[in-house]
C-alpha atoms as a PDB file:
ATOM      1  CA  MET A   1     -65.888   7.592  46.655  1.00  0.00           C
ATOM      2  CA  GLY A   2     -68.037  10.757  46.249  1.00  0.00           C
ATOM      3  CA  PHE A   3     -68.240  13.437  43.520  1.00  0.00           C
ATOM      4  CA  GLU A   4     -65.798  15.772  45.267  1.00  0.00           C
ATOM      5  CA  GLU A   5     -63.144  13.117  45.379  1.00  0.00           C
ATOM      6  CA  ASP A   6     -63.526  12.250  41.721  1.00  0.00           C
ATOM      7  CA  TYR A   7     -63.340  15.889  40.800  1.00  0.00           C
ATOM      8  CA  ARG A   8     -60.235  16.321  42.908  1.00  0.00           C
ATOM      9  CA  ARG A   9     -58.632  13.157  41.387  1.00  0.00           C
ATOM     10  CA  TYR A  10     -59.471  13.630  37.836  1.00  0.00           C
ATOM     11  CA  GLY A  11     -60.063  17.296  37.255  1.00  0.00           C
ATOM     12  CA  ALA A  12     -56.528  18.360  36.688  1.00  0.00           C
ATOM     13  CA  ALA A  13     -55.949  15.653  34.098  1.00  0.00           C
ATOM     14  CA  LEU A  14     -59.226  16.490  32.246  1.00  0.00           C
ATOM     15  CA  TYR A  15     -58.322  20.149  32.287  1.00  0.00           C
ATOM     16  CA  ARG A  16     -54.910  19.463  30.536  1.00  0.00           C
ATOM     17  CA  LEU A  17     -56.605  17.305  28.068  1.00  0.00           C
ATOM     18  CA  CYS A  18     -59.196  19.902  27.281  1.00  0.00           C
ATOM     19  CA  LEU A  19     -56.674  22.560  27.085  1.00  0.00           C
ATOM     20  CA  GLY A  20     -54.742  20.492  24.511  1.00  0.00           C
ATOM     21  CA  TYR A  21     -57.714  20.567  22.355  1.00  0.00           C
ATOM     22  CA  LEU A  22     -59.130  23.900  22.823  1.00  0.00           C
ATOM     23  CA  ARG A  23     -55.966  26.108  23.355  1.00  0.00           C
ATOM     24  CA  CYS A  24     -58.021  28.432  25.658  1.00  0.00           C
ATOM     25  CA  SER A  25     -58.168  28.083  29.417  1.00  0.00           C
ATOM     26  CA  GLN A  26     -61.793  29.286  29.708  1.00  0.00           C
ATOM     27  CA  ASP A  27     -63.020  26.986  27.049  1.00  0.00           C
ATOM     28  CA  ALA A  28     -61.043  24.044  28.721  1.00  0.00           C
ATOM     29  CA  GLU A  29     -62.727  24.861  32.109  1.00  0.00           C
ATOM     30  CA  ASP A  30     -66.145  24.878  30.321  1.00  0.00           C
ATOM     31  CA  ALA A  31     -65.515  21.533  28.777  1.00  0.00           C
ATOM     32  CA  VAL A  32     -64.397  20.061  32.068  1.00  0.00           C
ATOM     33  CA  GLN A  33     -67.509  21.317  33.739  1.00  0.00           C
ATOM     34  CA  THR A  34     -69.684  19.918  31.081  1.00  0.00           C
ATOM     35  CA  ALA A  35     -67.915  16.505  31.252  1.00  0.00           C
ATOM     36  CA  PHE A  36     -68.614  16.517  35.107  1.00  0.00           C
ATOM     37  CA  VAL A  37     -72.210  17.599  34.580  1.00  0.00           C
ATOM     38  CA  ARG A  38     -72.767  14.582  32.287  1.00  0.00           C
ATOM     39  CA  TYR A  39     -70.953  12.372  34.795  1.00  0.00           C
ATOM     40  CA  LEU A  40     -73.282  13.429  37.671  1.00  0.00           C
ATOM     41  CA  GLN A  41     -76.276  12.497  35.464  1.00  0.00           C
ATOM     42  CA  GLN A  42     -74.904   8.880  34.993  1.00  0.00           C
ATOM     43  CA  PRO A  43     -76.758   6.331  37.182  1.00  0.00           C
ATOM     44  CA  GLY A  44     -74.594   4.110  39.291  1.00  0.00           C
ATOM     45  CA  ARG A  45     -71.418   6.087  38.747  1.00  0.00           C
ATOM     46  CA  ASP A  46     -70.311   5.634  42.347  1.00  0.00           C
ATOM     47  CA  ALA A  47     -70.112   1.751  41.631  1.00  0.00           C
ATOM     48  CA  TRP A  48     -67.808   2.202  38.680  1.00  0.00           C
ATOM     49  CA  PRO A  49     -64.149   1.127  39.037  1.00  0.00           C
ATOM     50  CA  ASP A  50     -61.492   3.772  38.914  1.00  0.00           C
ATOM     51  CA  ARG A  51     -60.369   3.109  35.564  1.00  0.00           C
ATOM     52  CA  HIS A  52     -63.790   3.144  34.088  1.00  0.00           C
ATOM     53  CA  LYS A  53     -64.431   6.597  35.641  1.00  0.00           C
ATOM     54  CA  GLN A  54     -61.113   7.904  34.213  1.00  0.00           C
ATOM     55  CA  ALA A  55     -61.796   6.505  30.743  1.00  0.00           C
ATOM     56  CA  TRP A  56     -65.416   7.655  30.725  1.00  0.00           C
ATOM     57  CA  LEU A  57     -64.464  11.129  31.952  1.00  0.00           C
ATOM     58  CA  ALA A  58     -61.574  11.368  29.316  1.00  0.00           C
ATOM     59  CA  ARG A  59     -63.673  10.391  26.505  1.00  0.00           C
ATOM     60  CA  THR A  60     -66.469  12.541  27.446  1.00  0.00           C
ATOM     61  CA  ALA A  61     -64.246  15.588  27.894  1.00  0.00           C
ATOM     62  CA  ALA A  62     -62.569  14.863  24.533  1.00  0.00           C
ATOM     63  CA  ASN A  63     -66.124  14.803  22.897  1.00  0.00           C
ATOM     64  CA  CYS A  64     -67.023  18.064  24.697  1.00  0.00           C
ATOM     65  CA  CYS A  65     -63.936  19.614  23.165  1.00  0.00           C
ATOM     66  CA  LYS A  66     -64.831  18.234  19.853  1.00  0.00           C
ATOM     67  CA  ASP A  67     -68.225  19.495  19.941  1.00  0.00           C
ATOM     68  CA  GLU A  68     -66.882  22.980  21.019  1.00  0.00           C
ATOM     69  CA  LEU A  69     -64.436  23.049  18.092  1.00  0.00           C
ATOM     70  CA  ARG A  70     -67.352  22.166  15.556  1.00  0.00           C
ATOM     71  CA  ARG A  71     -69.619  24.603  17.079  1.00  0.00           C
ATOM     72  CA  ALA A  72     -66.915  27.360  16.961  1.00  0.00           C
ATOM     73  CA  GLY A  73     -65.730  26.307  13.381  1.00  0.00           C
ATOM     74  CA  ARG A  74     -62.254  25.893  14.811  1.00  0.00           C
ATOM     75  CA  ARG A  75     -59.844  23.122  13.448  1.00  0.00           C
ATOM     76  CA  LEU A  76     -59.249  20.142  15.561  1.00  0.00           C
ATOM     77  CA  ARG A  77     -55.715  20.020  16.926  1.00  0.00           C
ATOM     78  CA  ALA A  78     -53.579  17.253  18.575  1.00  0.00           C
ATOM     79  CA  PRO A  79     -54.151  17.056  22.370  1.00  0.00           C
ATOM     80  CA  TRP A  80     -50.980  18.771  23.585  1.00  0.00           C
ATOM     81  CA  PRO A  81     -51.214  21.822  25.704  1.00  0.00           C
ATOM     82  CA  ALA A  82     -49.335  24.916  24.611  1.00  0.00           C
ATOM     83  CA  GLU A  83     -48.975  26.088  28.068  1.00  0.00           C
ATOM     84  CA  ASP A  84     -47.266  22.914  29.265  1.00  0.00           C
ATOM     85  CA  ARG A  85     -43.472  24.011  28.974  1.00  0.00           C
ATOM     86  CA  SER A  86     -41.961  20.987  30.970  1.00  0.00           C
ATOM     87  CA  LEU A  87     -40.709  17.897  29.217  1.00  0.00           C
ATOM     88  CA  ALA A  88     -39.818  16.273  32.560  1.00  0.00           C
ATOM     89  CA  GLY A  89     -42.662  13.943  32.560  1.00  0.00           C
ATOM     90  CA  TRP A  90     -42.254  12.895  28.930  1.00  0.00           C
ATOM     91  CA  ALA A  91     -38.575  12.849  28.448  1.00  0.00           C
ATOM     92  CA  GLY A  92     -37.573  11.495  31.489  1.00  0.00           C
ATOM     93  CA  GLY A  93     -34.998  14.387  31.775  1.00  0.00           C
ATOM     94  CA  PRO A  94     -33.837  16.155  34.948  1.00  0.00           C
ATOM     95  CA  GLY A  95     -36.919  18.645  35.037  1.00  0.00           C
ATOM     96  CA  GLU A  96     -35.591  21.623  33.147  1.00  0.00           C
ATOM     97  CA  ALA A  97     -38.012  23.719  31.271  1.00  0.00           C
ATOM     98  CA  CYS A  98     -38.335  23.791  27.648  1.00  0.00           C
ATOM     99  CA  PRO A  99     -39.795  26.682  25.905  1.00  0.00           C
ATOM    100  CA  ASP A 100     -41.193  24.699  22.946  1.00  0.00           C
ATOM    101  CA  ALA A 101     -42.521  21.427  24.406  1.00  0.00           C
ATOM    102  CA  ALA A 102     -45.771  21.450  22.421  1.00  0.00           C
ATOM    103  CA  ALA A 103     -43.783  21.998  19.174  1.00  0.00           C
ATOM    104  CA  LEU A 104     -41.233  19.154  20.087  1.00  0.00           C
ATOM    105  CA  LEU A 105     -44.129  16.695  21.050  1.00  0.00           C
ATOM    106  CA  ALA A 106     -45.862  17.537  17.768  1.00  0.00           C
ATOM    107  CA  ARG A 107     -42.733  16.426  15.917  1.00  0.00           C
ATOM    108  CA  LEU A 108     -42.993  12.967  17.277  1.00  0.00           C
ATOM    109  CA  PRO A 109     -44.668  10.172  15.254  1.00  0.00           C
ATOM    110  CA  ALA A 110     -48.327   9.897  16.336  1.00  0.00           C
ATOM    111  CA  ARG A 111     -48.068   6.473  17.872  1.00  0.00           C
ATOM    112  CA  TRP A 112     -45.265   7.452  20.152  1.00  0.00           C
ATOM    113  CA  ARG A 113     -47.160  10.684  21.098  1.00  0.00           C
ATOM    114  CA  ARG A 114     -50.158   8.649  22.004  1.00  0.00           C
ATOM    115  CA  ALA A 115     -48.120   6.054  24.018  1.00  0.00           C
ATOM    116  CA  LEU A 116     -46.485   8.863  25.919  1.00  0.00           C
ATOM    117  CA  TRP A 117     -49.764  10.709  26.535  1.00  0.00           C
ATOM    118  CA  LEU A 118     -51.360   7.554  28.009  1.00  0.00           C
ATOM    119  CA  ALA A 119     -48.335   6.768  30.092  1.00  0.00           C
ATOM    120  CA  GLY A 120     -48.754  10.289  31.446  1.00  0.00           C
ATOM    121  CA  LEU A 121     -52.252   9.674  32.356  1.00  0.00           C
ATOM    122  CA  GLY A 122     -51.139   6.619  34.460  1.00  0.00           C
ATOM    123  CA  TYR A 123     -51.879   3.646  32.198  1.00  0.00           C
ATOM    124  CA  THR A 124     -49.797   0.508  32.272  1.00  0.00           C
ATOM    125  CA  SER A 125     -47.969  -0.724  29.168  1.00  0.00           C
ATOM    126  CA  ALA A 126     -50.519  -3.505  28.846  1.00  0.00           C
ATOM    127  CA  GLU A 127     -53.417  -0.824  28.969  1.00  0.00           C
ATOM    128  CA  ILE A 128     -51.546   1.261  26.583  1.00  0.00           C
ATOM    129  CA  GLY A 129     -51.054  -1.648  24.177  1.00  0.00           C
ATOM    130  CA  ALA A 130     -54.665  -2.587  24.373  1.00  0.00           C
ATOM    131  CA  ARG A 131     -55.606   0.874  23.590  1.00  0.00           C
ATOM    132  CA  LEU A 132     -53.258   1.289  20.713  1.00  0.00           C
ATOM    133  CA  HIS A 133     -53.831  -2.252  19.358  1.00  0.00           C
ATOM    134  CA  CYS A 134     -50.345  -3.437  19.884  1.00  0.00           C
ATOM    135  CA  SER A 135     -48.490  -5.677  22.491  1.00  0.00           C
ATOM    136  CA  PRO A 136     -47.292  -4.212  25.748  1.00  0.00           C
ATOM    137  CA  ALA A 137     -43.765  -4.622  24.581  1.00  0.00           C
ATOM    138  CA  THR A 138     -44.473  -2.568  21.556  1.00  0.00           C
ATOM    139  CA  ALA A 139     -46.047   0.013  23.681  1.00  0.00           C
ATOM    140  CA  ARG A 140     -43.002   0.203  26.017  1.00  0.00           C
ATOM    141  CA  THR A 141     -40.742   0.558  22.758  1.00  0.00           C
ATOM    142  CA  TRP A 142     -42.746   3.362  21.500  1.00  0.00           C
ATOM    143  CA  MET A 143     -42.660   5.141  24.900  1.00  0.00           C
ATOM    144  CA  ARG A 144     -38.833   4.663  25.110  1.00  0.00           C
ATOM    145  CA  ARG A 145     -38.178   5.864  21.644  1.00  0.00           C
ATOM    146  CA  GLY A 146     -40.477   8.899  22.096  1.00  0.00           C
ATOM    147  CA  ARG A 147     -38.564   9.814  25.269  1.00  0.00           C
ATOM    148  CA  GLN A 148     -35.167   9.417  23.624  1.00  0.00           C
ATOM    149  CA  ARG A 149     -36.259  11.611  20.610  1.00  0.00           C
ATOM    150  CA  LEU A 150     -37.600  14.344  23.039  1.00  0.00           C
ATOM    151  CA  ARG A 151     -34.368  14.290  24.796  1.00  0.00           C
ATOM    152  CA  LYS A 152     -32.473  14.622  21.664  1.00  0.00           C
ATOM    153  CA  LEU A 153     -34.796  17.364  20.182  1.00  0.00           C
ATOM    154  CA  ALA A 154     -34.640  19.299  23.416  1.00  0.00           C
ATOM    155  CA  ALA A 155     -30.748  18.981  23.544  1.00  0.00           C
ATOM    156  CA  GLU A 156     -30.653  20.316  20.068  1.00  0.00           C
ATOM    157  CA  GLY A 157     -32.932  23.129  20.856  1.00  0.00           C
ATOM    158  CA  GLY A 158     -35.659  21.798  18.779  1.00  0.00           C
ATOM    159  CA  ALA A 159     -33.609  22.756  15.634  1.00  0.00           C
ATOM    160  CA  ALA A 160     -33.543  19.280  13.922  1.00  0.00           C
ATOM    161  CA  ASP A 161     -36.317  19.034  11.140  1.00  0.00           C
ATOM    162  CA  GLY A 162     -35.937  15.613   9.830  1.00  0.00           C
ATOM    163  CA  LEU A 163     -37.558  12.884  11.983  1.00  0.00           C
END
């Protein structure tokens, strides 16, 4: 697989990740480009397994975002894009738009958010469990509870304060 295919395959996910950190589309595009430039400089990258490429690119893009935030003196934020207004992929609902998706996601416990985020990137429950240092069953439970809470918060219009 060549560089163009890798960019088509991983570019959109990296952009969403960077947008969540930086909250600015131009800065997110710059971070994605920086991550891919660093990727091009890696020897033997074409022989890497797909999961390794995805993980390496995600970690590198996140580090680029953190570097940019430090350089700009901005506060590090949770990686949830403000522009992502649909909870369909996370809540498992019918796909209706929610005006406050980022705010609702921010109200979930961190472990549920992380599990849902990794699931959204296509990781299996076993891989999520390994990354979050828990069993696959626990990772599935966190994802299920996170989706349930998102459905409840979306149905309430985000009005519930106590989690």
